[in-house]
């Protein structure tokens, strides 16, 4: 048998390992769900073995809680300001459009395997 006829080893398995830290086959979908408000509970409860999906789900929940807090602040301010609430409504619209952009950036970066860190908010995702 010559050197050209040596048998080749079998290819490695293509399926991810099922141990801790294993990558899910539907990671992109789970990361996208992580930033859609209450749907962040789905990846948090379903993908317990994928640390990256867990981080994105926790980050999405922390972001949702921050947005609810912001909603409450705007509601209280609009009750106190009275006639000036119209100006506040325009500012509120701009803030919530910026939040929508942040959600889209988080989804795109998460699907590409990256993390988008928000100062003052992202640090809370690591706490729980």
N, C-alpha and C. Protein backbone atom coordinates (compact mmCIF):
# COMPACT_ATOMS: atom_id res chain seq x y z
N UNK A 1 0.84 -1.17 0.00
CA UNK A 1 0.00 0.00 0.00
C UNK A 1 0.89 1.23 0.00
N UNK A 2 0.70 2.15 -0.94
CA UNK A 2 1.53 3.34 -1.04
C UNK A 2 0.98 4.45 -0.16
N UNK A 3 1.75 5.52 -0.03
CA UNK A 3 1.35 6.64 0.81
C UNK A 3 0.10 7.36 0.29
N UNK A 4 -0.14 7.33 -0.99
CA UNK A 4 -1.29 8.00 -1.58
C UNK A 4 -2.59 7.27 -1.25
N UNK A 5 -2.51 5.98 -0.88
CA UNK A 5 -3.70 5.19 -0.64
C UNK A 5 -4.02 5.06 0.86
N UNK A 6 -3.42 5.86 1.70
CA UNK A 6 -3.71 5.76 3.14
C UNK A 6 -5.12 6.21 3.42
N UNK A 7 -5.82 5.52 4.31
CA UNK A 7 -7.21 5.90 4.59
C UNK A 7 -7.27 7.23 5.36
N UNK A 8 -8.29 8.01 5.06
CA UNK A 8 -8.47 9.30 5.73
C UNK A 8 -9.34 9.10 6.96
N UNK A 9 -9.09 9.87 8.01
CA UNK A 9 -9.93 9.73 9.22
C UNK A 9 -11.33 10.25 8.96
N UNK A 10 -12.32 9.75 9.70
CA UNK A 10 -13.70 10.23 9.49
C UNK A 10 -13.82 11.69 9.91
N UNK A 11 -14.74 12.43 9.27
CA UNK A 11 -14.93 13.85 9.64
C UNK A 11 -15.51 13.96 11.05
N UNK A 12 -15.23 15.07 11.72
CA UNK A 12 -15.79 15.26 13.07
C UNK A 12 -17.30 15.41 13.00
N UNK A 13 -17.99 15.07 14.08
CA UNK A 13 -19.46 15.21 14.07
C UNK A 13 -19.85 16.67 13.95
N UNK A 14 -20.95 16.93 13.22
CA UNK A 14 -21.40 18.30 12.97
C UNK A 14 -22.34 18.82 14.05
N UNK A 15 -22.94 17.94 14.84
CA UNK A 15 -23.88 18.37 15.87
C UNK A 15 -23.14 18.94 17.06
N UNK A 16 -23.65 20.01 17.66
CA UNK A 16 -23.02 20.57 18.84
C UNK A 16 -23.18 19.64 20.03
N UNK A 17 -22.27 19.75 20.96
CA UNK A 17 -22.35 18.91 22.15
C UNK A 17 -23.53 19.35 23.01
N UNK A 18 -24.08 18.41 23.75
CA UNK A 18 -25.25 18.74 24.57
C UNK A 18 -24.85 19.10 25.99
N UNK A 19 -23.58 19.25 26.27
CA UNK A 19 -23.12 19.61 27.61
C UNK A 19 -23.37 21.07 27.89
N UNK A 20 -22.94 21.53 29.06
CA UNK A 20 -23.16 22.93 29.41
C UNK A 20 -22.35 23.82 28.49
N UNK A 21 -22.94 24.91 28.09
CA UNK A 21 -22.28 25.83 27.18
C UNK A 21 -22.44 25.44 25.73
N UNK A 22 -23.24 24.38 25.44
CA UNK A 22 -23.44 23.96 24.07
C UNK A 22 -24.24 24.99 23.30
N UNK A 23 -23.99 25.03 22.00
CA UNK A 23 -24.68 26.02 21.17
C UNK A 23 -25.97 25.43 20.64
N UNK A 24 -27.03 26.18 20.73
CA UNK A 24 -28.33 25.74 20.27
C UNK A 24 -28.42 25.82 18.75
N UNK A 25 -29.23 24.94 18.15
CA UNK A 25 -29.38 24.97 16.70
C UNK A 25 -30.25 26.14 16.25
N UNK A 26 -31.06 26.68 17.14
CA UNK A 26 -31.92 27.83 16.79
C UNK A 26 -31.51 29.06 17.59
N UNK A 27 -30.22 29.29 17.68
CA UNK A 27 -29.69 30.39 18.49
C UNK A 27 -30.16 31.75 17.98
N UNK A 28 -30.16 31.95 16.68
CA UNK A 28 -30.57 33.24 16.12
C UNK A 28 -31.99 33.61 16.49
N UNK A 29 -32.90 32.65 16.40
CA UNK A 29 -34.29 32.89 16.77
C UNK A 29 -34.40 33.23 18.25
N UNK A 30 -33.69 32.49 19.08
CA UNK A 30 -33.76 32.72 20.52
C UNK A 30 -33.17 34.09 20.90
N UNK A 31 -32.11 34.50 20.22
CA UNK A 31 -31.53 35.82 20.49
C UNK A 31 -32.51 36.91 20.07
N UNK A 32 -33.17 36.72 18.93
CA UNK A 32 -34.16 37.71 18.49
C UNK A 32 -35.33 37.79 19.46
N UNK A 33 -35.79 36.65 19.97
CA UNK A 33 -36.87 36.66 20.95
C UNK A 33 -36.45 37.33 22.25
N UNK A 34 -35.17 37.31 22.54
CA UNK A 34 -34.67 37.88 23.79
C UNK A 34 -34.93 39.38 23.90
N UNK A 35 -35.06 40.05 22.80
CA UNK A 35 -35.25 41.51 22.82
C UNK A 35 -36.67 41.93 22.44
N UNK A 36 -37.62 41.00 22.54
CA UNK A 36 -39.01 41.31 22.22
C UNK A 36 -39.87 41.22 23.48
N UNK A 37 -39.57 42.05 24.44
CA UNK A 37 -40.29 42.22 25.70
C UNK A 37 -40.52 40.90 26.41
N UNK A 38 -41.76 40.52 26.67
CA UNK A 38 -42.04 39.33 27.46
C UNK A 38 -41.64 38.03 26.76
N UNK A 39 -41.44 38.09 25.46
CA UNK A 39 -40.97 36.89 24.75
C UNK A 39 -39.55 36.51 25.16
N UNK A 40 -38.87 37.39 25.90
CA UNK A 40 -37.53 37.07 26.41
C UNK A 40 -37.58 35.92 27.41
N UNK A 41 -38.75 35.66 27.96
CA UNK A 41 -38.89 34.53 28.89
C UNK A 41 -38.75 33.18 28.18
N UNK A 42 -39.10 33.14 26.89
CA UNK A 42 -39.00 31.88 26.14
C UNK A 42 -37.56 31.38 26.09
N UNK A 43 -36.59 32.18 25.59
CA UNK A 43 -35.21 31.67 25.58
C UNK A 43 -34.64 31.47 26.98
N UNK A 44 -35.10 32.29 27.93
CA UNK A 44 -34.60 32.16 29.30
C UNK A 44 -34.99 30.81 29.89
N UNK A 45 -36.19 30.34 29.58
CA UNK A 45 -36.67 29.08 30.14
C UNK A 45 -36.35 27.87 29.29
N UNK A 46 -36.22 28.05 27.97
CA UNK A 46 -36.02 26.92 27.06
C UNK A 46 -34.54 26.59 26.86
N UNK A 47 -33.72 27.58 26.65
CA UNK A 47 -32.30 27.38 26.31
C UNK A 47 -31.42 27.54 27.55
N UNK A 48 -31.54 26.64 28.50
CA UNK A 48 -30.77 26.75 29.73
C UNK A 48 -29.31 26.35 29.55
N UNK A 49 -28.99 25.60 28.50
CA UNK A 49 -27.62 25.13 28.29
C UNK A 49 -26.76 26.10 27.50
N UNK A 50 -27.38 27.05 26.82
CA UNK A 50 -26.64 27.99 25.98
C UNK A 50 -26.41 29.29 26.75
N UNK A 51 -25.18 29.49 27.20
CA UNK A 51 -24.85 30.66 28.03
C UNK A 51 -25.06 31.97 27.28
N UNK A 52 -24.77 31.98 26.00
CA UNK A 52 -24.91 33.22 25.22
C UNK A 52 -26.38 33.62 25.09
N UNK A 53 -27.24 32.65 24.81
CA UNK A 53 -28.68 32.93 24.71
C UNK A 53 -29.21 33.37 26.07
N UNK A 54 -28.74 32.75 27.13
CA UNK A 54 -29.16 33.14 28.48
C UNK A 54 -28.79 34.60 28.76
N UNK A 55 -27.56 35.00 28.36
CA UNK A 55 -27.14 36.39 28.59
C UNK A 55 -28.04 37.35 27.83
N UNK A 56 -28.33 37.04 26.57
CA UNK A 56 -29.18 37.92 25.77
C UNK A 56 -30.59 37.98 26.34
N UNK A 57 -31.12 36.86 26.83
CA UNK A 57 -32.46 36.86 27.42
C UNK A 57 -32.48 37.72 28.68
N UNK A 58 -31.47 37.58 29.51
CA UNK A 58 -31.40 38.40 30.73
C UNK A 58 -31.23 39.88 30.38
N UNK A 59 -30.43 40.16 29.37
CA UNK A 59 -30.22 41.54 28.93
C UNK A 59 -31.53 42.12 28.40
N UNK A 60 -32.29 41.32 27.65
CA UNK A 60 -33.58 41.78 27.14
C UNK A 60 -34.58 42.06 28.25
N UNK A 61 -34.56 41.24 29.30
CA UNK A 61 -35.48 41.46 30.42
C UNK A 61 -35.09 42.72 31.19
N UNK A 62 -33.79 42.93 31.39
CA UNK A 62 -33.34 44.14 32.08
C UNK A 62 -33.71 45.38 31.25
N UNK A 63 -33.55 45.29 29.95
CA UNK A 63 -33.92 46.39 29.07
C UNK A 63 -35.43 46.66 29.14
N UNK A 64 -36.23 45.61 29.20
CA UNK A 64 -37.68 45.76 29.31
C UNK A 64 -38.06 46.45 30.63
N UNK A 65 -37.44 46.06 31.72
CA UNK A 65 -37.73 46.67 33.02
C UNK A 65 -37.34 48.16 33.00
N UNK A 66 -36.22 48.49 32.38
CA UNK A 66 -35.80 49.89 32.27
C UNK A 66 -36.81 50.69 31.44
N UNK A 67 -37.33 50.10 30.39
CA UNK A 67 -38.31 50.79 29.56
C UNK A 67 -39.63 51.00 30.31
N UNK A 68 -40.05 50.02 31.08
CA UNK A 68 -41.27 50.18 31.88
C UNK A 68 -41.08 51.30 32.90
N UNK A 69 -39.89 51.36 33.52
CA UNK A 69 -39.59 52.46 34.44
C UNK A 69 -39.64 53.80 33.75
N UNK A 70 -39.12 53.86 32.53
CA UNK A 70 -39.16 55.10 31.76
C UNK A 70 -40.59 55.49 31.42
N UNK A 71 -41.41 54.51 31.08
CA UNK A 71 -42.83 54.77 30.81
C UNK A 71 -43.51 55.38 32.02
N UNK A 72 -43.23 54.83 33.19
CA UNK A 72 -43.84 55.34 34.43
C UNK A 72 -43.41 56.78 34.68
N UNK A 73 -42.12 57.06 34.48
CA UNK A 73 -41.62 58.43 34.68
C UNK A 73 -42.32 59.39 33.72
N UNK A 74 -42.44 59.01 32.45
CA UNK A 74 -43.11 59.88 31.48
C UNK A 74 -44.59 60.07 31.83
N UNK A 75 -45.24 59.03 32.32
CA UNK A 75 -46.65 59.15 32.70
C UNK A 75 -46.81 60.12 33.87
N UNK A 76 -45.94 60.02 34.86
CA UNK A 76 -46.00 60.93 36.00
C UNK A 76 -45.70 62.37 35.59
N UNK A 77 -44.71 62.54 34.73
CA UNK A 77 -44.37 63.89 34.26
C UNK A 77 -45.51 64.50 33.45
N UNK A 78 -46.17 63.71 32.63
CA UNK A 78 -47.25 64.27 31.83
C UNK A 78 -48.45 64.66 32.70
N UNK A 79 -48.65 63.96 33.83
CA UNK A 79 -49.72 64.36 34.75
C UNK A 79 -49.38 65.65 35.48
N UNK A 80 -48.11 65.83 35.80
CA UNK A 80 -47.69 67.01 36.56
C UNK A 80 -47.60 68.24 35.67
N UNK A 81 -47.13 68.08 34.43
CA UNK A 81 -46.89 69.23 33.56
C UNK A 81 -48.15 69.83 32.96
N UNK A 82 -49.19 69.05 32.84
CA UNK A 82 -50.45 69.58 32.29
C UNK A 82 -50.31 70.00 30.84
N UNK A 83 -50.43 71.31 30.54
CA UNK A 83 -50.39 71.77 29.14
C UNK A 83 -49.03 71.54 28.46
N UNK A 84 -47.98 71.49 29.23
CA UNK A 84 -46.67 71.24 28.63
C UNK A 84 -46.45 69.77 28.27
N UNK A 85 -47.44 68.96 28.52
CA UNK A 85 -47.33 67.53 28.23
C UNK A 85 -47.21 67.27 26.73
N UNK A 86 -47.68 68.19 25.89
CA UNK A 86 -47.54 68.03 24.44
C UNK A 86 -46.07 68.05 24.03
N UNK A 87 -45.31 68.95 24.61
CA UNK A 87 -43.87 69.00 24.32
C UNK A 87 -43.19 67.74 24.84
N UNK A 88 -43.63 67.27 25.98
CA UNK A 88 -43.09 66.05 26.55
C UNK A 88 -43.42 64.85 25.66
N UNK A 89 -44.60 64.87 25.04
CA UNK A 89 -45.00 63.76 24.16
C UNK A 89 -44.07 63.66 22.95
N UNK A 90 -43.65 64.78 22.41
CA UNK A 90 -42.71 64.77 21.28
C UNK A 90 -41.37 64.20 21.72
N UNK A 91 -40.90 64.62 22.88
CA UNK A 91 -39.65 64.11 23.43
C UNK A 91 -39.76 62.61 23.71
N UNK A 92 -40.92 62.21 24.23
CA UNK A 92 -41.16 60.80 24.54
C UNK A 92 -41.14 59.96 23.26
N UNK A 93 -41.71 60.46 22.21
CA UNK A 93 -41.70 59.75 20.93
C UNK A 93 -40.27 59.54 20.45
N UNK A 94 -39.44 60.57 20.55
CA UNK A 94 -38.04 60.45 20.13
C UNK A 94 -37.28 59.43 20.99
N UNK A 95 -37.55 59.43 22.28
CA UNK A 95 -36.89 58.48 23.18
C UNK A 95 -37.28 57.05 22.82
N UNK A 96 -38.55 56.82 22.59
CA UNK A 96 -38.99 55.46 22.30
C UNK A 96 -38.60 55.01 20.90
N UNK A 97 -38.40 55.92 19.96
CA UNK A 97 -37.82 55.55 18.66
C UNK A 97 -36.35 55.14 18.85
N UNK A 98 -35.65 55.84 19.72
CA UNK A 98 -34.26 55.46 20.02
C UNK A 98 -34.21 54.09 20.68
N UNK A 99 -35.17 53.79 21.53
CA UNK A 99 -35.22 52.47 22.17
C UNK A 99 -35.48 51.39 21.13
N UNK A 100 -36.33 51.68 20.16
CA UNK A 100 -36.58 50.72 19.08
C UNK A 100 -35.29 50.45 18.29
N UNK A 101 -34.53 51.50 18.03
CA UNK A 101 -33.25 51.34 17.33
C UNK A 101 -32.29 50.48 18.16
N UNK A 102 -32.28 50.69 19.48
CA UNK A 102 -31.42 49.90 20.35
C UNK A 102 -31.82 48.42 20.29
N UNK A 103 -33.12 48.14 20.27
CA UNK A 103 -33.57 46.76 20.16
C UNK A 103 -33.10 46.12 18.86
N UNK A 104 -33.21 46.85 17.77
CA UNK A 104 -32.78 46.31 16.47
C UNK A 104 -31.28 46.07 16.47
N UNK A 105 -30.50 46.99 17.02
CA UNK A 105 -29.04 46.81 17.10
C UNK A 105 -28.71 45.59 17.95
N UNK A 106 -29.40 45.44 19.08
CA UNK A 106 -29.15 44.28 19.95
C UNK A 106 -29.45 42.97 19.23
N UNK A 107 -30.54 42.93 18.48
CA UNK A 107 -30.90 41.71 17.75
C UNK A 107 -29.86 41.41 16.68
N UNK A 108 -29.49 42.41 15.89
CA UNK A 108 -28.53 42.19 14.81
C UNK A 108 -27.17 41.75 15.36
N UNK A 109 -26.68 42.44 16.37
CA UNK A 109 -25.39 42.06 16.95
C UNK A 109 -25.47 40.69 17.61
N UNK A 110 -26.58 40.39 18.29
CA UNK A 110 -26.73 39.10 18.94
C UNK A 110 -26.77 37.95 17.95
N UNK A 111 -27.47 38.12 16.84
CA UNK A 111 -27.53 37.08 15.82
C UNK A 111 -26.15 36.86 15.20
N UNK A 112 -25.35 37.90 15.12
CA UNK A 112 -23.99 37.79 14.57
C UNK A 112 -22.98 37.33 15.61
N UNK A 113 -23.43 36.98 16.81
CA UNK A 113 -22.52 36.45 17.82
C UNK A 113 -21.83 37.50 18.67
N UNK A 114 -22.31 38.73 18.63
CA UNK A 114 -21.70 39.80 19.40
C UNK A 114 -22.66 40.25 20.50
N UNK A 115 -22.17 41.11 21.36
CA UNK A 115 -23.01 41.69 22.41
C UNK A 115 -22.98 43.21 22.28
N UNK A 116 -24.13 43.83 22.50
CA UNK A 116 -24.23 45.28 22.50
C UNK A 116 -24.43 45.71 23.95
N UNK A 117 -23.41 46.32 24.52
CA UNK A 117 -23.43 46.70 25.92
C UNK A 117 -23.95 48.12 26.07
N UNK A 118 -24.96 48.27 26.91
CA UNK A 118 -25.54 49.58 27.20
C UNK A 118 -25.06 50.03 28.57
N UNK A 119 -24.40 51.19 28.65
CA UNK A 119 -23.92 51.65 29.95
C UNK A 119 -25.06 51.85 30.93
N UNK A 120 -24.89 51.36 32.14
CA UNK A 120 -25.90 51.51 33.16
C UNK A 120 -27.01 50.47 33.13
N UNK A 121 -27.13 49.72 32.04
CA UNK A 121 -28.18 48.70 31.94
C UNK A 121 -27.58 47.30 31.80
N UNK A 122 -26.58 47.14 30.96
CA UNK A 122 -26.02 45.83 30.69
C UNK A 122 -25.38 45.19 31.90
N UNK A 123 -24.89 45.99 32.82
CA UNK A 123 -24.23 45.41 34.00
C UNK A 123 -25.23 44.63 34.86
N UNK A 124 -26.50 44.96 34.80
CA UNK A 124 -27.51 44.25 35.59
C UNK A 124 -27.83 42.88 35.02
N UNK A 125 -27.57 42.66 33.73
CA UNK A 125 -27.83 41.35 33.13
C UNK A 125 -26.90 40.29 33.72
N UNK A 126 -25.71 40.67 34.15
CA UNK A 126 -24.76 39.73 34.72
C UNK A 126 -25.09 39.39 36.17
N UNK A 127 -25.93 40.16 36.81
CA UNK A 127 -26.21 39.97 38.23
C UNK A 127 -27.17 38.82 38.52
N UNK A 128 -28.01 38.46 37.56
CA UNK A 128 -28.93 37.35 37.85
C UNK A 128 -28.86 36.27 36.83
